[in-house]
Amino acid sequence: MLTGKQRAYLRGLAQKIEPVIQLGKNGINENTLSQYQEALEARELVKTTVLKGCEYDAKEAAHDIADAIEAEVVQVIGNRFVLYKPSKEKKHIELDF
């Protein structure tokens, strides 16, 4: 569980990154979840755009994916959301506050 300060710090970092995953008409499936796991292991912070053809809205998709892969929802704004999960091997982001 992230504290308010940690979430604010991650939101600041997320402003500088571009969306790496687009969630479209295929929705959330095993392939999508594996993409998130790989991206989060490599980057720790992943921004996603939910396209208009998707059956999920951004908030619903963010929470469903976070629950499935044990990640944290950092923020949801409009059709975009940001997820965080600490890397097991390559820690880039320190949240020791």
C-alpha atoms as a PDB file:
ATOM      1  CA  MET A   1       0.000   0.000   0.000  1.00  0.00           C
ATOM      2  CA  LEU A   2       1.378   3.369  -1.002  1.00  0.00           C
ATOM      3  CA  THR A   3       1.371   6.380   1.306  1.00  0.00           C
ATOM      4  CA  GLY A   4       0.185   9.789   0.125  1.00  0.00           C
ATOM      5  CA  LYS A   5       3.763  11.069  -0.218  1.00  0.00           C
ATOM      6  CA  GLN A   6       4.834   8.027  -2.212  1.00  0.00           C
ATOM      7  CA  ARG A   7       1.821   8.306  -4.506  1.00  0.00           C
ATOM      8  CA  ALA A   8       2.520  12.035  -5.044  1.00  0.00           C
ATOM      9  CA  TYR A   9       6.162  11.274  -5.872  1.00  0.00           C
ATOM     10  CA  LEU A  10       5.130   8.595  -8.380  1.00  0.00           C
ATOM     11  CA  ARG A  11       2.569  10.939  -9.974  1.00  0.00           C
ATOM     12  CA  GLY A  12       5.381  13.450 -10.515  1.00  0.00           C
ATOM     13  CA  LEU A  13       7.519  10.802 -12.192  1.00  0.00           C
ATOM     14  CA  ALA A  14       4.582   9.656 -14.318  1.00  0.00           C
ATOM     15  CA  GLN A  15       4.109  13.129 -15.811  1.00  0.00           C
ATOM     16  CA  LYS A  16       7.361  12.712 -17.715  1.00  0.00           C
ATOM     17  CA  ILE A  17       6.659   9.327 -19.285  1.00  0.00           C
ATOM     18  CA  GLU A  18       4.649   8.441 -22.375  1.00  0.00           C
ATOM     19  CA  PRO A  19       1.997   5.693 -22.415  1.00  0.00           C
ATOM     20  CA  VAL A  20       3.602   2.336 -23.221  1.00  0.00           C
ATOM     21  CA  ILE A  21       0.478   0.194 -23.441  1.00  0.00           C
ATOM     22  CA  GLN A  22      -2.826   0.845 -25.179  1.00  0.00           C
ATOM     23  CA  LEU A  23      -5.868  -1.033 -23.994  1.00  0.00           C
ATOM     24  CA  GLY A  24      -8.295  -1.565 -26.875  1.00  0.00           C
ATOM     25  CA  LYS A  25     -11.180  -3.692 -28.028  1.00  0.00           C
ATOM     26  CA  ASN A  26      -9.537  -6.953 -26.874  1.00  0.00           C
ATOM     27  CA  GLY A  27      -9.821  -5.733 -23.279  1.00  0.00           C
ATOM     28  CA  ILE A  28      -7.992  -7.469 -20.454  1.00  0.00           C
ATOM     29  CA  ASN A  29      -6.771 -11.003 -21.151  1.00  0.00           C
ATOM     30  CA  GLU A  30      -3.774 -13.198 -20.278  1.00  0.00           C
ATOM     31  CA  ASN A  31      -1.664 -11.633 -23.027  1.00  0.00           C
ATOM     32  CA  THR A  32      -2.414  -8.136 -21.742  1.00  0.00           C
ATOM     33  CA  LEU A  33      -1.565  -9.114 -18.168  1.00  0.00           C
ATOM     34  CA  SER A  34       1.757 -10.626 -19.250  1.00  0.00           C
ATOM     35  CA  GLN A  35       2.566  -7.395 -21.129  1.00  0.00           C
ATOM     36  CA  TYR A  36       1.949  -5.434 -17.936  1.00  0.00           C
ATOM     37  CA  GLN A  37       4.086  -7.777 -15.853  1.00  0.00           C
ATOM     38  CA  GLU A  38       6.995  -7.492 -18.300  1.00  0.00           C
ATOM     39  CA  ALA A  39       6.675  -3.710 -18.587  1.00  0.00           C
ATOM     40  CA  LEU A  40       6.440  -3.222 -14.817  1.00  0.00           C
ATOM     41  CA  GLU A  41       9.462  -5.476 -14.207  1.00  0.00           C
ATOM     42  CA  ALA A  42      11.487  -3.397 -16.662  1.00  0.00           C
ATOM     43  CA  ARG A  43      10.182   0.089 -15.754  1.00  0.00           C
ATOM     44  CA  GLU A  44       8.324  -0.149 -12.410  1.00  0.00           C
ATOM     45  CA  LEU A  45       5.989   2.655 -13.554  1.00  0.00           C
ATOM     46  CA  VAL A  46       3.707   2.169 -16.573  1.00  0.00           C
ATOM     47  CA  LYS A  47       1.268   4.606 -18.142  1.00  0.00           C
ATOM     48  CA  THR A  48      -1.627   3.250 -20.219  1.00  0.00           C
ATOM     49  CA  THR A  49      -4.125   4.780 -22.605  1.00  0.00           C
ATOM     50  CA  VAL A  50      -7.612   3.234 -22.792  1.00  0.00           C
ATOM     51  CA  LEU A  51      -8.911   3.508 -26.346  1.00  0.00           C
ATOM     52  CA  LYS A  52     -12.532   4.326 -27.229  1.00  0.00           C
ATOM     53  CA  GLY A  53     -13.333   0.781 -28.415  1.00  0.00           C
ATOM     54  CA  CYS A  54     -12.459  -0.761 -25.057  1.00  0.00           C
ATOM     55  CA  GLU A  55     -15.259  -2.235 -22.944  1.00  0.00           C
ATOM     56  CA  TYR A  56     -13.631  -0.898 -19.756  1.00  0.00           C
ATOM     57  CA  ASP A  57     -13.276   2.669 -18.589  1.00  0.00           C
ATOM     58  CA  ALA A  58      -9.853   3.731 -17.293  1.00  0.00           C
ATOM     59  CA  LYS A  59     -10.667   3.435 -13.583  1.00  0.00           C
ATOM     60  CA  GLU A  60     -12.221  -0.008 -13.893  1.00  0.00           C
ATOM     61  CA  ALA A  61      -9.376  -1.297 -16.089  1.00  0.00           C
ATOM     62  CA  ALA A  62      -6.695   0.097 -13.761  1.00  0.00           C
ATOM     63  CA  HIS A  63      -8.137  -1.592 -10.690  1.00  0.00           C
ATOM     64  CA  ASP A  64      -8.824  -4.906 -12.458  1.00  0.00           C
ATOM     65  CA  ILE A  65      -5.282  -5.094 -13.847  1.00  0.00           C
ATOM     66  CA  ALA A  66      -3.696  -3.978 -10.564  1.00  0.00           C
ATOM     67  CA  ASP A  67      -5.606  -6.667  -8.660  1.00  0.00           C
ATOM     68  CA  ALA A  68      -4.666  -9.362 -11.170  1.00  0.00           C
ATOM     69  CA  ILE A  69      -0.916  -8.641 -11.151  1.00  0.00           C
ATOM     70  CA  GLU A  70      -0.552  -7.289  -7.592  1.00  0.00           C
ATOM     71  CA  ALA A  71       0.374  -3.756  -8.640  1.00  0.00           C
ATOM     72  CA  GLU A  72      -0.659  -0.359  -7.257  1.00  0.00           C
ATOM     73  CA  VAL A  73      -2.830   2.193  -9.046  1.00  0.00           C
ATOM     74  CA  VAL A  74      -0.996   5.520  -8.861  1.00  0.00           C
ATOM     75  CA  GLN A  75      -3.529   7.684 -10.671  1.00  0.00           C
ATOM     76  CA  VAL A  76      -6.396   7.665 -13.147  1.00  0.00           C
ATOM     77  CA  ILE A  77      -7.007  10.763 -15.255  1.00  0.00           C
ATOM     78  CA  GLY A  78      -9.446  10.753 -18.161  1.00  0.00           C
ATOM     79  CA  ASN A  79      -8.637   7.811 -20.408  1.00  0.00           C
ATOM     80  CA  ARG A  80      -5.166   7.217 -18.921  1.00  0.00           C
ATOM     81  CA  PHE A  81      -3.912   5.475 -15.825  1.00  0.00           C
ATOM     82  CA  VAL A  82      -0.585   4.756 -14.167  1.00  0.00           C
ATOM     83  CA  LEU A  83       0.423   1.546 -12.396  1.00  0.00           C
ATOM     84  CA  TYR A  84       3.407   0.913 -10.108  1.00  0.00           C
ATOM     85  CA  LYS A  85       5.015  -2.336  -9.037  1.00  0.00           C
ATOM     86  CA  PRO A  86       8.549  -2.572  -7.638  1.00  0.00           C
ATOM     87  CA  SER A  87      10.919  -4.611  -9.779  1.00  0.00           C
ATOM     88  CA  LYS A  88      12.303  -7.811  -8.300  1.00  0.00           C
ATOM     89  CA  GLU A  89      15.694  -7.491 -10.008  1.00  0.00           C
ATOM     90  CA  LYS A  90      16.212  -3.917 -11.267  1.00  0.00           C
ATOM     91  CA  LYS A  91      14.956  -1.350  -8.757  1.00  0.00           C
ATOM     92  CA  HIS A  92      14.929   2.119 -10.317  1.00  0.00           C
ATOM     93  CA  ILE A  93      12.541   3.927  -7.997  1.00  0.00           C
ATOM     94  CA  GLU A  94      13.245   4.261  -4.268  1.00  0.00           C
ATOM     95  CA  LEU A  95      10.232   4.890  -2.023  1.00  0.00           C
ATOM     96  CA  ASP A  96      11.884   4.901   1.415  1.00  0.00           C
ATOM     97  CA  PHE A  97       9.925   7.817   2.868  1.00  0.00           C
END
